[in-house]
């Protein structure tokens, strides 16, 4: 493999890796605060992609304009799922933290419901959105960079920075951080922990509303795309460190570059298998992830 091909693979890996990290932000936030593994994470992303596609196909809205609808819609969906579906689990166990297996099985049920609703509504056919930005590129040092992927990458960086700032400087953000650090102490200090959980889950899904719309110009939409992104998000979060926002971006970049470079030597399927090897190797060296606390 020559230097030009390697450079192109690395750049593509960074772009898609940044998007992986952006998609994983919500999963990391939800687990970091609630200690709930959201198995339906990828399904919510898939739902956002179909919503963006539907607005484009029926109203002619550009996917980037549809963000104005997908972000609040996914926030409402997430807030509802947490408040109506997951919250009763906390009340049943009479605790501020639920048993991980119970939460995992519950969100797996949400995953099945969302996926089957979308499958019944849209069918198994592959959908795609063709807009000008899908085919536009800019050149850096003679290398073409797809503009839609670049926008997705930059969005991941901006969202991660904005989310970190909001968590540190807003009243709700500080309540979320306090709850993540010590739920019992936060509850005793007057923080409405269940409200924090609702907002956290809604916010995690709202991030997916953003990236779902950003992905449709260069990703085909199928009912099973959510599972693929859900698995990658889990890898990214564990690689970077659970609950770490910068860690999600770093883990995404690492996974993206590794997959892109590996695919130059082996098939895409084999590259995905090797990604799990990278996952295991890093966990052996850093069980808490690259930026996680031991």
C-alpha atoms as a PDB file:
ATOM      1  CA  UNK A   1       0.000   0.000   0.000  1.00  0.00           C
ATOM      2  CA  UNK A   2       1.483   3.339  -1.068  1.00  0.00           C
ATOM      3  CA  UNK A   3       1.559   6.487   1.055  1.00  0.00           C
ATOM      4  CA  UNK A   4      -1.273   8.156  -0.883  1.00  0.00           C
ATOM      5  CA  UNK A   5      -3.622   5.222  -0.310  1.00  0.00           C
ATOM      6  CA  UNK A   6      -2.676   5.078   3.369  1.00  0.00           C
ATOM      7  CA  UNK A   7      -3.284   8.823   3.770  1.00  0.00           C
ATOM      8  CA  UNK A   8      -6.682   8.536   2.112  1.00  0.00           C
ATOM      9  CA  UNK A   9      -7.601   5.608   4.376  1.00  0.00           C
ATOM     10  CA  UNK A  10      -6.542   7.509   7.502  1.00  0.00           C
ATOM     11  CA  UNK A  11      -8.515  10.621   6.519  1.00  0.00           C
ATOM     12  CA  UNK A  12     -11.628   8.580   5.763  1.00  0.00           C
ATOM     13  CA  UNK A  13     -11.132   6.737   9.042  1.00  0.00           C
ATOM     14  CA  UNK A  14     -10.926   9.990  10.981  1.00  0.00           C
ATOM     15  CA  UNK A  15     -14.089  11.311   9.343  1.00  0.00           C
ATOM     16  CA  UNK A  16     -16.200   8.219   9.944  1.00  0.00           C
ATOM     17  CA  UNK A  17     -14.581   7.736  13.358  1.00  0.00           C
ATOM     18  CA  UNK A  18     -15.633  11.208  14.429  1.00  0.00           C
ATOM     19  CA  UNK A  19     -19.182  10.326  13.417  1.00  0.00           C
ATOM     20  CA  UNK A  20     -18.969   7.061  15.383  1.00  0.00           C
ATOM     21  CA  UNK A  21     -17.913   9.116  18.387  1.00  0.00           C
ATOM     22  CA  UNK A  22     -20.738  11.602  17.906  1.00  0.00           C
ATOM     23  CA  UNK A  23     -23.335   8.842  17.679  1.00  0.00           C
ATOM     24  CA  UNK A  24     -21.900   7.228  20.828  1.00  0.00           C
ATOM     25  CA  UNK A  25     -22.148  10.426  22.910  1.00  0.00           C
ATOM     26  CA  UNK A  26     -25.733   9.729  23.943  1.00  0.00           C
ATOM     27  CA  UNK A  27     -24.980   6.145  24.956  1.00  0.00           C
ATOM     28  CA  UNK A  28     -22.041   7.291  27.083  1.00  0.00           C
ATOM     29  CA  UNK A  29     -24.073  10.061  28.721  1.00  0.00           C
ATOM     30  CA  UNK A  30     -27.000   7.783  29.573  1.00  0.00           C
ATOM     31  CA  UNK A  31     -24.841   5.044  31.050  1.00  0.00           C
ATOM     32  CA  UNK A  32     -22.597   7.512  32.865  1.00  0.00           C
ATOM     33  CA  UNK A  33     -25.583   9.063  34.648  1.00  0.00           C
ATOM     34  CA  UNK A  34     -28.153   6.260  34.926  1.00  0.00           C
ATOM     35  CA  UNK A  35     -25.979   3.128  34.740  1.00  0.00           C
ATOM     36  CA  UNK A  36     -28.409   1.846  32.110  1.00  0.00           C
ATOM     37  CA  UNK A  37     -27.092   0.105  28.994  1.00  0.00           C
ATOM     38  CA  UNK A  38     -29.451   1.375  26.300  1.00  0.00           C
ATOM     39  CA  UNK A  39     -29.745  -1.583  23.933  1.00  0.00           C
ATOM     40  CA  UNK A  40     -32.161   0.474  21.813  1.00  0.00           C
ATOM     41  CA  UNK A  41     -29.539   3.171  21.154  1.00  0.00           C
ATOM     42  CA  UNK A  42     -29.055   2.195  17.519  1.00  0.00           C
ATOM     43  CA  UNK A  43     -32.806   1.883  16.999  1.00  0.00           C
ATOM     44  CA  UNK A  44     -33.315   5.516  17.983  1.00  0.00           C
ATOM     45  CA  UNK A  45     -30.634   6.528  15.467  1.00  0.00           C
ATOM     46  CA  UNK A  46     -32.383   4.461  12.798  1.00  0.00           C
ATOM     47  CA  UNK A  47     -35.694   6.114  13.726  1.00  0.00           C
ATOM     48  CA  UNK A  48     -34.113   9.552  13.272  1.00  0.00           C
ATOM     49  CA  UNK A  49     -32.752   8.537   9.867  1.00  0.00           C
ATOM     50  CA  UNK A  50     -36.174   7.362   8.702  1.00  0.00           C
ATOM     51  CA  UNK A  51     -37.776  10.571  10.002  1.00  0.00           C
ATOM     52  CA  UNK A  52     -35.276  12.642   8.028  1.00  0.00           C
ATOM     53  CA  UNK A  53     -35.878  10.483   4.956  1.00  0.00           C
ATOM     54  CA  UNK A  54     -39.662  10.832   5.325  1.00  0.00           C
ATOM     55  CA  UNK A  55     -39.439  14.631   5.544  1.00  0.00           C
ATOM     56  CA  UNK A  56     -37.229  14.660   2.437  1.00  0.00           C
ATOM     57  CA  UNK A  57     -39.471  12.278   0.452  1.00  0.00           C
ATOM     58  CA  UNK A  58     -42.802  13.866   1.408  1.00  0.00           C
ATOM     59  CA  UNK A  59     -41.981  17.559   1.874  1.00  0.00           C
ATOM     60  CA  UNK A  60     -38.702  17.914   0.010  1.00  0.00           C
ATOM     61  CA  UNK A  61     -36.878  19.075   3.149  1.00  0.00           C
ATOM     62  CA  UNK A  62     -33.099  18.877   2.967  1.00  0.00           C
ATOM     63  CA  UNK A  63     -31.788  16.439   5.611  1.00  0.00           C
ATOM     64  CA  UNK A  64     -29.930  19.264   7.331  1.00  0.00           C
ATOM     65  CA  UNK A  65     -33.144  21.286   7.584  1.00  0.00           C
ATOM     66  CA  UNK A  66     -34.944  18.247   8.989  1.00  0.00           C
ATOM     67  CA  UNK A  67     -32.640  18.489  12.027  1.00  0.00           C
ATOM     68  CA  UNK A  68     -35.059  21.135  13.308  1.00  0.00           C
ATOM     69  CA  UNK A  69     -37.661  18.366  13.559  1.00  0.00           C
ATOM     70  CA  UNK A  70     -35.626  15.232  14.317  1.00  0.00           C
ATOM     71  CA  UNK A  71     -33.784  16.658  17.340  1.00  0.00           C
ATOM     72  CA  UNK A  72     -36.873  17.736  19.339  1.00  0.00           C
ATOM     73  CA  UNK A  73     -38.786  14.650  18.188  1.00  0.00           C
ATOM     74  CA  UNK A  74     -36.093  12.280  19.429  1.00  0.00           C
ATOM     75  CA  UNK A  75     -35.804  14.238  22.684  1.00  0.00           C
ATOM     76  CA  UNK A  76     -39.531  13.748  23.258  1.00  0.00           C
ATOM     77  CA  UNK A  77     -39.274  10.048  22.367  1.00  0.00           C
ATOM     78  CA  UNK A  78     -36.356   9.564  24.764  1.00  0.00           C
ATOM     79  CA  UNK A  79     -38.042  11.529  27.550  1.00  0.00           C
ATOM     80  CA  UNK A  80     -41.205   9.458  27.073  1.00  0.00           C
ATOM     81  CA  UNK A  81     -39.386   6.100  27.001  1.00  0.00           C
ATOM     82  CA  UNK A  82     -37.489   6.921  30.188  1.00  0.00           C
ATOM     83  CA  UNK A  83     -40.490   8.378  31.998  1.00  0.00           C
ATOM     84  CA  UNK A  84     -43.042   5.735  30.981  1.00  0.00           C
ATOM     85  CA  UNK A  85     -41.043   2.568  30.250  1.00  0.00           C
ATOM     86  CA  UNK A  86     -37.794   2.667  32.238  1.00  0.00           C
ATOM     87  CA  UNK A  87     -38.786   4.788  35.247  1.00  0.00           C
ATOM     88  CA  UNK A  88     -41.262   2.177  36.582  1.00  0.00           C
ATOM     89  CA  UNK A  89     -38.317  -0.223  36.812  1.00  0.00           C
ATOM     90  CA  UNK A  90     -36.602   2.156  39.248  1.00  0.00           C
ATOM     91  CA  UNK A  91     -39.817   2.466  41.259  1.00  0.00           C
ATOM     92  CA  UNK A  92     -40.374  -1.290  41.312  1.00  0.00           C
ATOM     93  CA  UNK A  93     -36.885  -1.919  42.648  1.00  0.00           C
ATOM     94  CA  UNK A  94     -37.246   1.085  44.983  1.00  0.00           C
ATOM     95  CA  UNK A  95     -33.776   2.323  44.151  1.00  0.00           C
ATOM     96  CA  UNK A  96     -31.989   5.088  42.293  1.00  0.00           C
ATOM     97  CA  UNK A  97     -29.955   2.463  40.413  1.00  0.00           C
ATOM     98  CA  UNK A  98     -31.497  -0.591  38.765  1.00  0.00           C
ATOM     99  CA  UNK A  99     -29.998  -4.021  38.279  1.00  0.00           C
ATOM    100  CA  UNK A 100     -28.089  -3.880  34.935  1.00  0.00           C
ATOM    101  CA  UNK A 101     -29.645  -7.050  33.504  1.00  0.00           C
ATOM    102  CA  UNK A 102     -33.180  -5.745  34.103  1.00  0.00           C
ATOM    103  CA  UNK A 103     -32.423  -2.469  32.326  1.00  0.00           C
ATOM    104  CA  UNK A 104     -30.692  -4.266  29.461  1.00  0.00           C
ATOM    105  CA  UNK A 105     -33.648  -6.594  28.895  1.00  0.00           C
ATOM    106  CA  UNK A 106     -36.089  -3.699  29.086  1.00  0.00           C
ATOM    107  CA  UNK A 107     -34.231  -1.605  26.504  1.00  0.00           C
ATOM    108  CA  UNK A 108     -33.864  -4.724  24.347  1.00  0.00           C
ATOM    109  CA  UNK A 109     -37.652  -4.852  24.336  1.00  0.00           C
ATOM    110  CA  UNK A 110     -37.757  -1.194  23.267  1.00  0.00           C
ATOM    111  CA  UNK A 111     -35.303  -2.067  20.478  1.00  0.00           C
ATOM    112  CA  UNK A 112     -37.604  -4.822  19.205  1.00  0.00           C
ATOM    113  CA  UNK A 113     -40.674  -2.577  19.332  1.00  0.00           C
ATOM    114  CA  UNK A 114     -39.029   0.347  17.502  1.00  0.00           C
ATOM    115  CA  UNK A 115     -37.416  -1.866  14.867  1.00  0.00           C
ATOM    116  CA  UNK A 116     -40.641  -3.713  14.101  1.00  0.00           C
ATOM    117  CA  UNK A 117     -42.712  -0.529  13.934  1.00  0.00           C
ATOM    118  CA  UNK A 118     -40.254   0.914  11.405  1.00  0.00           C
ATOM    119  CA  UNK A 119     -40.190  -2.374   9.479  1.00  0.00           C
ATOM    120  CA  UNK A 120     -43.992  -2.407   9.229  1.00  0.00           C
ATOM    121  CA  UNK A 121     -44.110   1.255   8.224  1.00  0.00           C
ATOM    122  CA  UNK A 122     -41.329   1.296   5.625  1.00  0.00           C
ATOM    123  CA  UNK A 123     -40.689  -2.347   4.750  1.00  0.00           C
ATOM    124  CA  UNK A 124     -37.281  -4.009   4.351  1.00  0.00           C
ATOM    125  CA  UNK A 125     -36.287  -2.074   1.217  1.00  0.00           C
ATOM    126  CA  UNK A 126     -33.154   0.053   1.221  1.00  0.00           C
ATOM    127  CA  UNK A 127     -33.883   3.790   1.205  1.00  0.00           C
ATOM    128  CA  UNK A 128     -31.501   6.582   0.285  1.00  0.00           C
ATOM    129  CA  UNK A 129     -31.494  10.355   0.082  1.00  0.00           C
ATOM    130  CA  UNK A 130     -29.822  11.953  -2.932  1.00  0.00           C
ATOM    131  CA  UNK A 131     -28.878  15.587  -2.350  1.00  0.00           C
ATOM    132  CA  UNK A 132     -26.099  17.683  -3.837  1.00  0.00           C
ATOM    133  CA  UNK A 133     -23.872  17.463  -0.776  1.00  0.00           C
ATOM    134  CA  UNK A 134     -23.778  13.670  -1.139  1.00  0.00           C
ATOM    135  CA  UNK A 135     -21.451  14.047  -4.124  1.00  0.00           C
ATOM    136  CA  UNK A 136     -19.510  17.179  -3.142  1.00  0.00           C
ATOM    137  CA  UNK A 137     -15.885  17.011  -2.038  1.00  0.00           C
ATOM    138  CA  UNK A 138     -13.126  19.397  -1.133  1.00  0.00           C
ATOM    139  CA  UNK A 139      -9.466  18.700  -1.787  1.00  0.00           C
ATOM    140  CA  UNK A 140      -6.766  18.908   0.864  1.00  0.00           C
ATOM    141  CA  UNK A 141      -3.200  18.228  -0.289  1.00  0.00           C
ATOM    142  CA  UNK A 142      -4.669  16.602  -3.381  1.00  0.00           C
ATOM    143  CA  UNK A 143      -6.864  14.217  -1.393  1.00  0.00           C
ATOM    144  CA  UNK A 144     -10.669  14.357  -1.837  1.00  0.00           C
ATOM    145  CA  UNK A 145     -12.683  14.773   1.362  1.00  0.00           C
ATOM    146  CA  UNK A 146     -16.412  14.149   1.163  1.00  0.00           C
ATOM    147  CA  UNK A 147     -18.167  17.285   2.377  1.00  0.00           C
ATOM    148  CA  UNK A 148     -21.094  15.485   4.029  1.00  0.00           C
ATOM    149  CA  UNK A 149     -18.726  13.311   6.074  1.00  0.00           C
ATOM    150  CA  UNK A 150     -16.635  16.342   6.990  1.00  0.00           C
ATOM    151  CA  UNK A 151     -19.743  18.133   8.268  1.00  0.00           C
ATOM    152  CA  UNK A 152     -20.653  15.066  10.332  1.00  0.00           C
ATOM    153  CA  UNK A 153     -17.130  14.961  11.781  1.00  0.00           C
ATOM    154  CA  UNK A 154     -17.161  18.662  12.674  1.00  0.00           C
ATOM    155  CA  UNK A 155     -20.634  18.295  14.188  1.00  0.00           C
ATOM    156  CA  UNK A 156     -19.334  15.555  16.493  1.00  0.00           C
ATOM    157  CA  UNK A 157     -16.537  17.807  17.758  1.00  0.00           C
ATOM    158  CA  UNK A 158     -18.882  20.769  18.248  1.00  0.00           C
ATOM    159  CA  UNK A 159     -21.575  18.700  19.990  1.00  0.00           C
ATOM    160  CA  UNK A 160     -19.026  17.081  22.321  1.00  0.00           C
ATOM    161  CA  UNK A 161     -17.589  20.496  23.248  1.00  0.00           C
ATOM    162  CA  UNK A 162     -21.038  22.069  23.670  1.00  0.00           C
ATOM    163  CA  UNK A 163     -22.272  19.158  25.774  1.00  0.00           C
ATOM    164  CA  UNK A 164     -19.214  19.344  28.034  1.00  0.00           C
ATOM    165  CA  UNK A 165     -19.687  23.104  28.464  1.00  0.00           C
ATOM    166  CA  UNK A 166     -23.407  22.728  29.182  1.00  0.00           C
ATOM    167  CA  UNK A 167     -22.832  20.017  31.775  1.00  0.00           C
ATOM    168  CA  UNK A 168     -20.325  22.216  33.609  1.00  0.00           C
ATOM    169  CA  UNK A 169     -22.046  25.596  33.458  1.00  0.00           C
ATOM    170  CA  UNK A 170     -25.832  25.092  33.388  1.00  0.00           C
ATOM    171  CA  UNK A 171     -28.033  24.352  36.387  1.00  0.00           C
ATOM    172  CA  UNK A 172     -29.444  21.171  34.851  1.00  0.00           C
ATOM    173  CA  UNK A 173     -25.975  20.166  33.681  1.00  0.00           C
ATOM    174  CA  UNK A 174     -24.604  20.467  37.207  1.00  0.00           C
ATOM    175  CA  UNK A 175     -27.568  18.456  38.492  1.00  0.00           C
ATOM    176  CA  UNK A 176     -26.782  15.739  35.948  1.00  0.00           C
ATOM    177  CA  UNK A 177     -23.115  15.667  36.995  1.00  0.00           C
ATOM    178  CA  UNK A 178     -24.043  15.558  40.675  1.00  0.00           C
ATOM    179  CA  UNK A 179     -26.433  12.674  40.029  1.00  0.00           C
ATOM    180  CA  UNK A 180     -23.777  10.810  38.048  1.00  0.00           C
ATOM    181  CA  UNK A 181     -21.275  11.172  40.897  1.00  0.00           C
ATOM    182  CA  UNK A 182     -23.577  10.256  43.796  1.00  0.00           C
ATOM    183  CA  UNK A 183     -27.283   9.664  43.300  1.00  0.00           C
ATOM    184  CA  UNK A 184     -28.121   9.367  46.988  1.00  0.00           C
ATOM    185  CA  UNK A 185     -26.348  12.609  47.891  1.00  0.00           C
ATOM    186  CA  UNK A 186     -27.956  14.375  44.922  1.00  0.00           C
ATOM    187  CA  UNK A 187     -31.400  13.207  46.020  1.00  0.00           C
ATOM    188  CA  UNK A 188     -30.808  14.300  49.621  1.00  0.00           C
ATOM    189  CA  UNK A 189     -29.681  17.737  48.425  1.00  0.00           C
ATOM    190  CA  UNK A 190     -33.046  18.305  46.738  1.00  0.00           C
ATOM    191  CA  UNK A 191     -32.273  17.273  43.161  1.00  0.00           C
ATOM    192  CA  UNK A 192     -35.162  15.521  41.419  1.00  0.00           C
ATOM    193  CA  UNK A 193     -33.224  12.459  40.294  1.00  0.00           C
ATOM    194  CA  UNK A 194     -36.051  11.043  38.179  1.00  0.00           C
ATOM    195  CA  UNK A 195     -36.349  14.342  36.313  1.00  0.00           C
ATOM    196  CA  UNK A 196     -32.591  14.279  35.749  1.00  0.00           C
ATOM    197  CA  UNK A 197     -32.914  10.762  34.359  1.00  0.00           C
ATOM    198  CA  UNK A 198     -35.730  11.835  32.022  1.00  0.00           C
ATOM    199  CA  UNK A 199     -33.752  14.800  30.692  1.00  0.00           C
ATOM    200  CA  UNK A 200     -30.569  12.729  30.360  1.00  0.00           C
ATOM    201  CA  UNK A 201     -32.289  10.025  28.331  1.00  0.00           C
ATOM    202  CA  UNK A 202     -34.052  12.634  26.213  1.00  0.00           C
ATOM    203  CA  UNK A 203     -30.789  14.474  25.610  1.00  0.00           C
ATOM    204  CA  UNK A 204     -29.008  11.263  24.642  1.00  0.00           C
ATOM    205  CA  UNK A 205     -31.725  10.557  22.075  1.00  0.00           C
ATOM    206  CA  UNK A 206     -31.728  14.173  20.840  1.00  0.00           C
ATOM    207  CA  UNK A 207     -28.066  13.761  19.895  1.00  0.00           C
ATOM    208  CA  UNK A 208     -29.141  10.792  17.781  1.00  0.00           C
ATOM    209  CA  UNK A 209     -31.789  12.998  16.174  1.00  0.00           C
ATOM    210  CA  UNK A 210     -28.991  15.279  15.016  1.00  0.00           C
ATOM    211  CA  UNK A 211     -26.678  12.583  13.712  1.00  0.00           C
ATOM    212  CA  UNK A 212     -29.486  10.591  12.128  1.00  0.00           C
ATOM    213  CA  UNK A 213     -30.201  13.544   9.843  1.00  0.00           C
ATOM    214  CA  UNK A 214     -26.490  14.130   9.222  1.00  0.00           C
ATOM    215  CA  UNK A 215     -25.956  10.503   8.186  1.00  0.00           C
ATOM    216  CA  UNK A 216     -28.683  10.114   5.572  1.00  0.00           C
ATOM    217  CA  UNK A 217     -26.857  11.952   2.742  1.00  0.00           C
ATOM    218  CA  UNK A 218     -24.140   9.272   2.663  1.00  0.00           C
ATOM    219  CA  UNK A 219     -25.607   6.196   4.375  1.00  0.00           C
ATOM    220  CA  UNK A 220     -28.277   3.912   2.943  1.00  0.00           C
ATOM    221  CA  UNK A 221     -31.190   3.475   5.339  1.00  0.00           C
ATOM    222  CA  UNK A 222     -32.379  -0.007   6.299  1.00  0.00           C
ATOM    223  CA  UNK A 223     -34.206  -1.324   9.380  1.00  0.00           C
ATOM    224  CA  UNK A 224     -31.053  -3.143  10.533  1.00  0.00           C
ATOM    225  CA  UNK A 225     -28.698  -0.155  10.353  1.00  0.00           C
ATOM    226  CA  UNK A 226     -29.524   0.632  13.967  1.00  0.00           C
ATOM    227  CA  UNK A 227     -28.068  -2.640  15.233  1.00  0.00           C
ATOM    228  CA  UNK A 228     -24.820  -2.003  13.343  1.00  0.00           C
ATOM    229  CA  UNK A 229     -24.405   1.479  14.806  1.00  0.00           C
ATOM    230  CA  UNK A 230     -25.521   0.276  18.228  1.00  0.00           C
ATOM    231  CA  UNK A 231     -22.706  -2.284  18.351  1.00  0.00           C
ATOM    232  CA  UNK A 232     -20.148   0.257  17.143  1.00  0.00           C
ATOM    233  CA  UNK A 233     -21.361   2.772  19.727  1.00  0.00           C
ATOM    234  CA  UNK A 234     -20.880   0.222  22.490  1.00  0.00           C
ATOM    235  CA  UNK A 235     -17.336  -0.481  21.278  1.00  0.00           C
ATOM    236  CA  UNK A 236     -16.582   3.238  21.098  1.00  0.00           C
ATOM    237  CA  UNK A 237     -17.903   3.971  24.595  1.00  0.00           C
ATOM    238  CA  UNK A 238     -15.965   1.132  26.207  1.00  0.00           C
ATOM    239  CA  UNK A 239     -12.792   1.973  24.265  1.00  0.00           C
ATOM    240  CA  UNK A 240     -12.914   5.643  25.211  1.00  0.00           C
ATOM    241  CA  UNK A 241     -14.120   5.200  28.767  1.00  0.00           C
ATOM    242  CA  UNK A 242     -17.720   4.878  29.925  1.00  0.00           C
ATOM    243  CA  UNK A 243     -19.209   8.251  30.800  1.00  0.00           C
ATOM    244  CA  UNK A 244     -16.364  10.236  29.212  1.00  0.00           C
ATOM    245  CA  UNK A 245     -17.468  12.637  26.476  1.00  0.00           C
ATOM    246  CA  UNK A 246     -13.931  13.248  25.133  1.00  0.00           C
ATOM    247  CA  UNK A 247     -13.375   9.507  25.448  1.00  0.00           C
ATOM    248  CA  UNK A 248     -16.294   8.813  23.106  1.00  0.00           C
ATOM    249  CA  UNK A 249     -14.740  10.997  20.418  1.00  0.00           C
ATOM    250  CA  UNK A 250     -11.297   9.466  20.951  1.00  0.00           C
ATOM    251  CA  UNK A 251     -12.706   5.936  20.886  1.00  0.00           C
ATOM    252  CA  UNK A 252     -14.622   6.705  17.700  1.00  0.00           C
ATOM    253  CA  UNK A 253     -11.547   8.100  15.967  1.00  0.00           C
ATOM    254  CA  UNK A 254      -9.496   5.080  16.973  1.00  0.00           C
ATOM    255  CA  UNK A 255     -12.137   2.623  15.756  1.00  0.00           C
ATOM    256  CA  UNK A 256     -12.719   4.520  12.507  1.00  0.00           C
ATOM    257  CA  UNK A 257      -9.040   4.723  11.570  1.00  0.00           C
ATOM    258  CA  UNK A 258      -8.445   1.092  12.515  1.00  0.00           C
ATOM    259  CA  UNK A 259     -11.371  -0.114  10.387  1.00  0.00           C
ATOM    260  CA  UNK A 260     -10.442   2.086   7.430  1.00  0.00           C
ATOM    261  CA  UNK A 261      -6.780   1.074   7.352  1.00  0.00           C
ATOM    262  CA  UNK A 262      -7.541  -2.602   8.010  1.00  0.00           C
ATOM    263  CA  UNK A 263     -10.033  -2.647   5.124  1.00  0.00           C
ATOM    264  CA  UNK A 264      -7.149  -1.867   2.759  1.00  0.00           C
ATOM    265  CA  UNK A 265      -5.659  -5.268   3.565  1.00  0.00           C
ATOM    266  CA  UNK A 266      -8.711  -7.444   4.249  1.00  0.00           C
ATOM    267  CA  UNK A 267     -12.429  -7.423   3.496  1.00  0.00           C
ATOM    268  CA  UNK A 268     -14.746  -5.064   5.362  1.00  0.00           C
ATOM    269  CA  UNK A 269     -16.191  -8.018   7.298  1.00  0.00           C
ATOM    270  CA  UNK A 270     -12.731  -9.138   8.395  1.00  0.00           C
ATOM    271  CA  UNK A 271     -11.846  -5.563   9.362  1.00  0.00           C
ATOM    272  CA  UNK A 272     -14.905  -5.487  11.626  1.00  0.00           C
ATOM    273  CA  UNK A 273     -13.758  -8.734  13.254  1.00  0.00           C
ATOM    274  CA  UNK A 274     -10.291  -7.274  13.817  1.00  0.00           C
ATOM    275  CA  UNK A 275     -11.975  -4.280  15.466  1.00  0.00           C
ATOM    276  CA  UNK A 276     -13.178  -6.608  18.203  1.00  0.00           C
ATOM    277  CA  UNK A 277      -9.568  -7.749  18.579  1.00  0.00           C
ATOM    278  CA  UNK A 278      -8.547  -4.118  19.117  1.00  0.00           C
ATOM    279  CA  UNK A 279     -11.392  -3.788  21.613  1.00  0.00           C
ATOM    280  CA  UNK A 280     -10.173  -6.782  23.627  1.00  0.00           C
ATOM    281  CA  UNK A 281      -6.527  -5.653  23.499  1.00  0.00           C
ATOM    282  CA  UNK A 282      -7.297  -2.181  24.854  1.00  0.00           C
ATOM    283  CA  UNK A 283      -9.519  -3.595  27.588  1.00  0.00           C
ATOM    284  CA  UNK A 284      -6.671  -5.865  28.687  1.00  0.00           C
ATOM    285  CA  UNK A 285      -4.313  -2.881  28.874  1.00  0.00           C
ATOM    286  CA  UNK A 286      -6.850  -0.294  30.088  1.00  0.00           C
ATOM    287  CA  UNK A 287      -9.916  -1.987  31.611  1.00  0.00           C
ATOM    288  CA  UNK A 288     -11.555   1.407  32.248  1.00  0.00           C
ATOM    289  CA  UNK A 289     -10.977   2.562  28.662  1.00  0.00           C
ATOM    290  CA  UNK A 290      -8.562   5.138  27.298  1.00  0.00           C
ATOM    291  CA  UNK A 291     -10.019   8.061  29.254  1.00  0.00           C
ATOM    292  CA  UNK A 292     -12.030   6.236  31.893  1.00  0.00           C
ATOM    293  CA  UNK A 293     -11.278   6.260  35.580  1.00  0.00           C
ATOM    294  CA  UNK A 294     -10.024   3.009  37.023  1.00  0.00           C
END
